[in-house]
Amino acid sequence: MPLMRDVHKKADDINAVYELREKLGEGSFSEVRVAQHRRTQKLVAVKCIRKRALKGKESMLENEIAVLRRLVHENIISLEETFETPTKLYLVMTLVTGGELLDRILERGSYTEKDASRVIKQVLEAVQYLHQLGIVHRDLKPENLLYETPLEDSKIVISDFGLSKMEDQGALSTACGTPAYVAPELLQQKTYGKEVDLWALGVISFILLCGYPPFYDENDSQLYKQIVKADFEFDSPYWDDISHSAKDFIVHLLQKDPERRFNCEQALQHPWISGGAALEKNIHGSVSAQIQKNFAKSQWKLLKALNSLKIRFLSCKKLCLGKFL
């Protein structure tokens, strides 16, 4: 039986349409390759998924594809077409070559609040588009924010819609996402909505301005306690040169009560995003040092391993939510 029951697909041999080239990366059930369209010569990225390794994750993949097929936005990765064989599924995606957000910050010689504000504005506009369509991303984090090209003025694109959900599929109640970026209401086993994406954007904004996350502890229970209480500070000296407007913007996103949290429209109207409140002082030295310290390769590898689990808290009793709720 075909995996993609409800998703339009092409039965053609992908090799007749695309020339598959070098490998870009590999995961537990898939690999990503550069490919070139044989007629147009356009370069794309092709995610080659081994169907046998997908057992138990078929519905998540079908959901991701269904969501991506609805999206047309310059700051969202595009699913161009799909191919399916008895053993493999091929997703033809936009080829993004500019790298991850935090890596690009490290590579820069100069970096300012204004640069961070431009990034967050692009992400906000994309998330606003998602929310208008009734889609909640549920896994916004720096690793899922990619530069389209290596050029200085490259735009940011949001990727990885594996945990995204359409609101018309029913009330959102499954606790999922990446631990450091999940909103309090997810940890409290409450139904939730689009507000969880704004919380994640608050965490990302915080990291972009100081280089470390607002909530962190090697002990999971302590981390979750911090998040549930919205317990964070703008520590000196890392925040001494950051504007009051930037801090105010973050405070409005990292609100414990989702009803008091900014929505996309409010966030886009904030002076730090829409006006001239973002400072142009170079903060690259401080921010890059903290990124290297807090997201060092050894730690980063561990965090990515944790992130890849896409932890579903409600089905994982060992997280002992009752201990900190």
Protein backbone atom coordinates (compact mmCIF):
# COMPACT_ATOMS: atom_id res chain seq x y z
CA MET A 1 0.00 0.00 0.00
CA PRO A 2 1.42 3.44 -0.88
CA LEU A 3 2.54 5.54 2.07
CA MET A 4 1.03 8.79 0.80
CA ARG A 5 -2.66 7.93 0.62
CA ASP A 6 -3.97 11.48 0.57
CA VAL A 7 -1.10 13.41 -0.99
CA HIS A 8 -0.68 13.94 -4.73
CA LYS A 9 2.49 12.30 -5.96
CA LYS A 10 4.30 11.41 -9.16
CA ALA A 11 4.81 7.80 -10.07
CA ASP A 12 7.61 8.62 -12.54
CA ASP A 13 11.13 7.45 -11.88
CA ILE A 14 12.76 10.41 -10.14
CA ASN A 15 16.01 9.64 -11.95
CA ALA A 16 14.29 10.38 -15.24
CA VAL A 17 13.43 13.87 -14.01
CA TYR A 18 16.35 14.73 -11.73
CA GLU A 19 20.03 13.89 -11.62
CA LEU A 20 20.78 13.01 -8.00
CA ARG A 21 24.15 14.38 -6.91
CA GLU A 22 26.22 14.71 -3.74
CA LYS A 23 24.87 13.94 -0.30
CA LEU A 24 24.17 16.92 1.96
CA GLY A 25 23.27 14.98 5.08
CA GLU A 26 21.94 11.75 6.48
CA GLY A 27 19.53 10.79 9.25
CA SER A 28 18.21 7.61 10.78
CA PHE A 29 15.65 7.01 8.02
CA SER A 30 16.62 9.39 5.23
CA GLU A 31 19.34 11.23 3.39
CA VAL A 32 19.32 14.58 1.61
CA ARG A 33 20.99 15.03 -1.77
CA VAL A 34 21.53 17.88 -4.16
CA ALA A 35 19.74 17.23 -7.44
CA GLN A 36 19.47 19.00 -10.78
CA HIS A 37 16.36 19.05 -12.92
CA ARG A 38 17.35 17.50 -16.23
CA ARG A 39 15.30 19.90 -18.36
CA THR A 40 15.47 23.22 -16.50
CA GLN A 41 18.88 22.66 -14.83
CA LYS A 42 17.42 24.00 -11.57
CA LEU A 43 19.18 22.79 -8.41
CA VAL A 44 17.02 21.41 -5.60
CA ALA A 45 17.38 19.36 -2.43
CA VAL A 46 15.86 15.88 -2.45
CA LYS A 47 15.03 14.12 0.81
CA CYS A 48 15.23 10.38 0.13
CA ILE A 49 13.24 8.49 2.76
CA ARG A 50 13.53 4.74 3.34
CA LYS A 51 9.93 3.65 3.92
CA ARG A 52 10.91 0.54 5.89
CA ALA A 53 12.59 2.74 8.52
CA LEU A 54 9.48 4.91 8.87
CA LYS A 55 7.40 2.45 10.87
CA GLY A 56 5.29 4.34 13.39
CA LYS A 57 6.09 7.74 11.84
CA GLU A 58 4.02 7.50 8.67
CA SER A 59 1.26 9.79 9.92
CA MET A 60 3.77 12.46 11.00
CA LEU A 61 5.34 12.47 7.55
CA GLU A 62 1.98 12.57 5.79
CA ASN A 63 0.97 15.50 7.98
CA GLU A 64 4.21 17.37 7.21
CA ILE A 65 3.72 16.90 3.47
CA ALA A 66 0.07 17.95 3.64
CA VAL A 67 1.05 21.13 5.49
CA LEU A 68 3.92 21.98 3.14
CA ARG A 69 1.70 21.61 0.09
CA ARG A 70 -0.47 24.46 1.38
CA LEU A 71 2.40 26.88 1.88
CA VAL A 72 3.69 29.50 -0.54
CA HIS A 73 5.79 32.11 1.26
CA GLU A 74 9.24 33.51 0.57
CA ASN A 75 10.39 32.77 4.14
CA ILE A 76 9.14 29.17 4.25
CA ILE A 77 10.89 26.23 2.64
CA SER A 78 8.99 24.96 -0.38
CA LEU A 79 7.97 21.42 -1.22
CA GLU A 80 8.02 21.37 -5.00
CA GLU A 81 6.98 17.80 -5.80
CA THR A 82 7.09 14.24 -4.52
CA PHE A 83 7.92 10.83 -5.95
CA GLU A 84 7.18 7.41 -4.50
CA THR A 85 8.46 3.91 -5.24
CA PRO A 86 7.67 0.69 -3.37
CA THR A 87 10.68 1.23 -1.09
CA LYS A 88 11.38 4.96 -1.06
CA LEU A 89 9.70 8.35 -0.87
CA TYR A 90 11.36 11.40 -2.42
CA LEU A 91 10.57 14.97 -1.34
CA VAL A 92 11.85 17.63 -3.73
CA MET A 93 12.51 20.77 -1.69
CA THR A 94 13.95 24.24 -2.06
CA LEU A 95 17.75 24.06 -1.96
CA VAL A 96 18.99 26.32 0.83
CA THR A 97 22.75 26.84 0.95
CA GLY A 98 23.30 29.62 3.46
CA GLY A 99 23.54 27.51 6.60
CA GLU A 100 21.93 27.70 10.03
CA LEU A 101 21.19 30.98 11.76
CA LEU A 102 23.64 30.66 14.67
CA ASP A 103 26.45 29.48 12.40
CA ARG A 104 26.05 32.59 10.26
CA ILE A 105 26.24 34.83 13.32
CA LEU A 106 29.55 33.22 14.29
CA GLU A 107 30.91 33.83 10.79
CA ARG A 108 30.06 37.53 10.78
CA GLY A 109 32.56 40.25 11.58
CA SER A 110 29.87 42.59 12.83
CA TYR A 111 26.47 41.87 14.34
CA THR A 112 23.92 44.24 15.87
CA GLU A 113 20.46 44.36 17.41
CA LYS A 114 19.29 45.65 14.04
CA ASP A 115 20.51 42.44 12.40
CA ALA A 116 18.66 40.35 14.99
CA SER A 117 15.53 42.47 14.51
CA ARG A 118 15.58 41.90 10.74
CA VAL A 119 15.80 38.14 11.25
CA ILE A 120 12.95 38.05 13.76
CA LYS A 121 10.79 40.25 11.52
CA GLN A 122 11.15 37.78 8.63
CA VAL A 123 10.29 34.85 10.88
CA LEU A 124 7.32 36.71 12.36
CA GLU A 125 5.93 37.47 8.90
CA ALA A 126 6.22 33.78 7.97
CA VAL A 127 4.63 32.64 11.23
CA GLN A 128 1.84 35.20 10.78
CA TYR A 129 1.16 33.62 7.38
CA LEU A 130 1.07 30.15 8.96
CA HIS A 131 -1.30 31.27 11.69
CA GLN A 132 -3.63 32.93 9.17
CA LEU A 133 -3.88 29.51 7.50
CA GLY A 134 -4.61 27.88 10.86
CA ILE A 135 -1.21 26.15 11.05
CA VAL A 136 0.91 25.96 14.20
CA HIS A 137 4.58 25.10 13.61
CA ARG A 138 5.27 23.79 17.16
CA ASP A 139 9.03 23.39 16.71
CA LEU A 140 10.54 26.80 16.02
CA LYS A 141 14.23 26.92 17.02
CA PRO A 142 17.47 28.30 15.55
CA GLU A 143 18.33 25.01 13.79
CA ASN A 144 15.12 25.30 11.79
CA LEU A 145 15.93 28.84 10.61
CA LEU A 146 18.14 28.67 7.54
CA TYR A 147 19.65 31.23 5.18
CA GLU A 148 18.61 30.65 1.58
CA THR A 149 22.03 31.59 0.16
CA PRO A 150 25.49 32.51 1.49
CA LEU A 151 24.96 36.11 0.33
CA GLU A 152 25.04 38.91 2.90
CA ASP A 153 21.45 39.94 2.17
CA SER A 154 20.04 36.40 2.03
CA LYS A 155 16.58 35.87 3.41
CA ILE A 156 15.74 33.46 6.24
CA VAL A 157 13.51 30.45 5.61
CA ILE A 158 11.68 28.29 8.15
CA SER A 159 12.17 24.54 7.73
CA ASP A 160 11.13 21.27 9.39
CA PHE A 161 7.36 21.03 9.59
CA GLY A 162 7.41 17.55 11.09
CA LEU A 163 5.53 18.64 14.20
CA SER A 164 3.32 21.26 12.57
CA LYS A 165 -0.42 20.92 13.00
CA MET A 166 -3.49 22.31 11.29
CA GLU A 167 -6.00 23.61 13.80
CA ASP A 168 -8.92 22.18 11.85
CA GLN A 169 -7.58 18.73 12.75
CA GLY A 170 -8.85 19.28 16.29
CA ALA A 171 -7.75 20.85 19.57
CA LEU A 172 -4.02 20.83 20.18
CA SER A 173 -3.14 18.96 23.35
CA THR A 174 -0.16 16.74 22.56
CA ALA A 175 2.93 18.07 24.33
CA CYS A 176 5.73 18.03 21.78
CA GLY A 177 8.59 20.10 20.53
CA THR A 178 12.13 20.81 21.68
CA PRO A 179 12.47 21.14 25.48
CA ALA A 180 14.25 24.51 25.73
CA TYR A 181 11.71 26.17 23.41
CA VAL A 182 8.37 24.76 24.59
CA ALA A 183 5.79 27.06 26.16
CA PRO A 184 4.52 26.64 29.75
CA GLU A 185 1.06 25.53 28.65
CA LEU A 186 2.51 22.50 26.85
CA LEU A 187 4.27 21.38 30.02
CA GLN A 188 1.11 21.90 32.04
CA GLN A 189 -0.82 19.43 29.86
CA LYS A 190 -3.29 22.09 28.74
CA THR A 191 -4.85 22.55 25.35
CA TYR A 192 -2.96 25.24 23.47
CA GLY A 193 -2.84 27.19 20.24
CA LYS A 194 -0.76 29.48 18.07
CA GLU A 195 0.65 31.22 21.12
CA VAL A 196 3.26 28.44 21.54
CA ASP A 197 5.03 29.66 18.39
CA LEU A 198 5.30 33.17 19.82
CA TRP A 199 6.86 31.81 23.01
CA ALA A 200 9.46 29.98 20.92
CA LEU A 201 10.17 33.20 19.05
CA GLY A 202 10.76 34.89 22.39
CA VAL A 203 13.35 32.25 23.27
CA ILE A 204 15.01 32.64 19.85
CA SER A 205 15.08 36.44 20.18
CA PHE A 206 16.70 36.11 23.60
CA ILE A 207 19.42 33.84 22.20
CA LEU A 208 20.08 36.16 19.25
CA LEU A 209 20.81 39.05 21.60
CA CYS A 210 23.05 37.35 24.17
CA GLY A 211 24.13 33.99 22.77
CA TYR A 212 22.61 31.78 25.48
CA PRO A 213 19.04 30.56 26.17
CA PRO A 214 16.74 32.11 28.79
CA PHE A 215 15.97 28.69 30.26
CA TYR A 216 18.66 26.08 30.79
CA ASP A 217 19.48 23.37 33.26
CA GLU A 218 21.15 19.99 32.84
CA ASN A 219 18.38 18.58 35.01
CA ASP A 220 15.17 18.29 32.98
CA SER A 221 12.87 18.84 35.96
CA GLN A 222 14.65 22.07 36.88
CA LEU A 223 14.49 23.26 33.28
CA TYR A 224 10.74 22.66 33.15
CA LYS A 225 10.25 24.47 36.46
CA GLN A 226 11.98 27.54 35.00
CA ILE A 227 9.79 27.44 31.91
CA VAL A 228 6.50 26.93 33.78
CA LYS A 229 7.33 29.92 36.01
CA ALA A 230 8.66 31.96 33.04
CA ASP A 231 11.69 32.46 35.27
CA PHE A 232 14.38 34.31 33.32
CA GLU A 233 16.60 37.38 33.76
CA PHE A 234 18.58 39.82 31.64
CA ASP A 235 21.91 39.14 33.31
CA SER A 236 24.78 41.63 33.48
CA PRO A 237 27.12 42.14 31.69
CA TYR A 238 25.60 40.31 28.71
CA TRP A 239 22.53 42.52 28.55
CA ASP A 240 24.10 45.82 29.61
CA ASP A 241 24.40 47.08 26.02
CA ILE A 242 21.03 45.79 24.84
CA SER A 243 18.22 48.31 24.41
CA HIS A 244 15.22 48.57 26.70
CA SER A 245 13.05 48.11 23.61
CA ALA A 246 14.59 44.71 22.84
CA LYS A 247 14.06 43.56 26.41
CA ASP A 248 10.47 44.82 26.34
CA PHE A 249 9.84 42.89 23.13
CA ILE A 250 11.09 39.67 24.70
CA VAL A 251 9.12 40.18 27.90
CA HIS A 252 5.92 40.44 25.86
CA LEU A 253 6.69 37.13 24.13
CA LEU A 254 7.85 35.18 27.18
CA GLN A 255 4.59 35.68 29.02
CA LYS A 256 3.52 32.72 31.14
CA ASP A 257 -0.16 33.38 30.37
CA PRO A 258 -0.71 32.78 26.62
CA GLU A 259 -3.60 35.26 26.62
CA ARG A 260 -1.19 38.03 27.64
CA ARG A 261 1.47 36.98 25.15
CA PHE A 262 1.94 39.01 21.98
CA ASN A 263 0.40 37.59 18.81
CA CYS A 264 2.18 38.04 15.48
CA GLU A 265 0.41 41.29 14.62
CA GLN A 266 1.32 42.87 17.96
CA ALA A 267 4.90 41.66 17.73
CA LEU A 268 5.31 43.07 14.21
CA GLN A 269 4.05 46.45 15.43
CA HIS A 270 6.52 46.64 18.31
CA PRO A 271 9.09 49.47 17.86
CA TRP A 272 11.99 47.00 18.07
CA ILE A 273 10.64 45.34 14.92
CA SER A 274 8.76 48.08 13.06
CA GLY A 275 10.55 51.22 14.18
CA GLY A 276 14.08 52.40 14.74
CA ALA A 277 14.42 51.16 18.31
CA ALA A 278 16.89 48.34 17.53
CA LEU A 279 20.41 49.57 18.22
CA GLU A 280 23.22 49.37 15.68
CA LYS A 281 26.04 48.88 18.17
CA ASN A 282 28.27 45.91 17.34
CA ILE A 283 27.58 43.11 19.85
CA HIS A 284 29.24 40.36 17.83
CA GLY A 285 32.07 39.73 20.29
CA SER A 286 29.85 39.08 23.28
CA VAL A 287 27.12 37.17 21.44
CA SER A 288 29.48 34.94 19.43
CA ALA A 289 31.50 34.10 22.55
CA GLN A 290 28.36 32.95 24.34
CA ILE A 291 27.11 30.99 21.32
CA GLN A 292 30.43 29.17 21.19
CA LYS A 293 30.32 28.51 24.92
CA ASN A 294 26.68 27.47 25.20
CA PHE A 295 26.32 25.79 21.83
CA ALA A 296 29.83 24.34 21.59
CA LYS A 297 30.10 21.34 19.29
CA SER A 298 30.13 18.77 22.09
CA GLN A 299 27.14 20.34 23.82
CA TRP A 300 25.48 21.14 20.50
CA LYS A 301 25.73 17.51 19.46
CA LEU A 302 24.08 16.46 22.70
CA LEU A 303 21.36 19.08 22.35
CA LYS A 304 20.67 18.04 18.77
CA ALA A 305 20.37 14.43 19.83
CA LEU A 306 17.83 15.51 22.45
CA ASN A 307 16.07 17.75 19.96
CA SER A 308 15.78 14.97 17.41
CA LEU A 309 13.67 12.95 19.80
CA LYS A 310 10.83 15.47 19.31
CA ILE A 311 9.87 14.61 22.85
CA ARG A 312 6.18 13.88 23.40
CA PHE A 313 5.94 14.65 27.07
CA LEU A 314 2.49 13.25 27.68
CA SER A 315 3.51 9.75 26.63
CA CYS A 316 6.83 9.81 28.46
CA LYS A 317 6.07 9.24 32.13
CA LYS A 318 9.69 9.33 33.20
CA LEU A 319 9.64 13.11 32.73
CA CYS A 320 7.54 13.19 35.91
CA LEU A 321 5.61 16.34 35.07
CA GLY A 322 3.82 16.19 38.40
CA LYS A 323 7.02 17.02 40.21
CA PHE A 324 7.13 20.56 38.96
CA LEU A 325 3.56 21.50 37.96
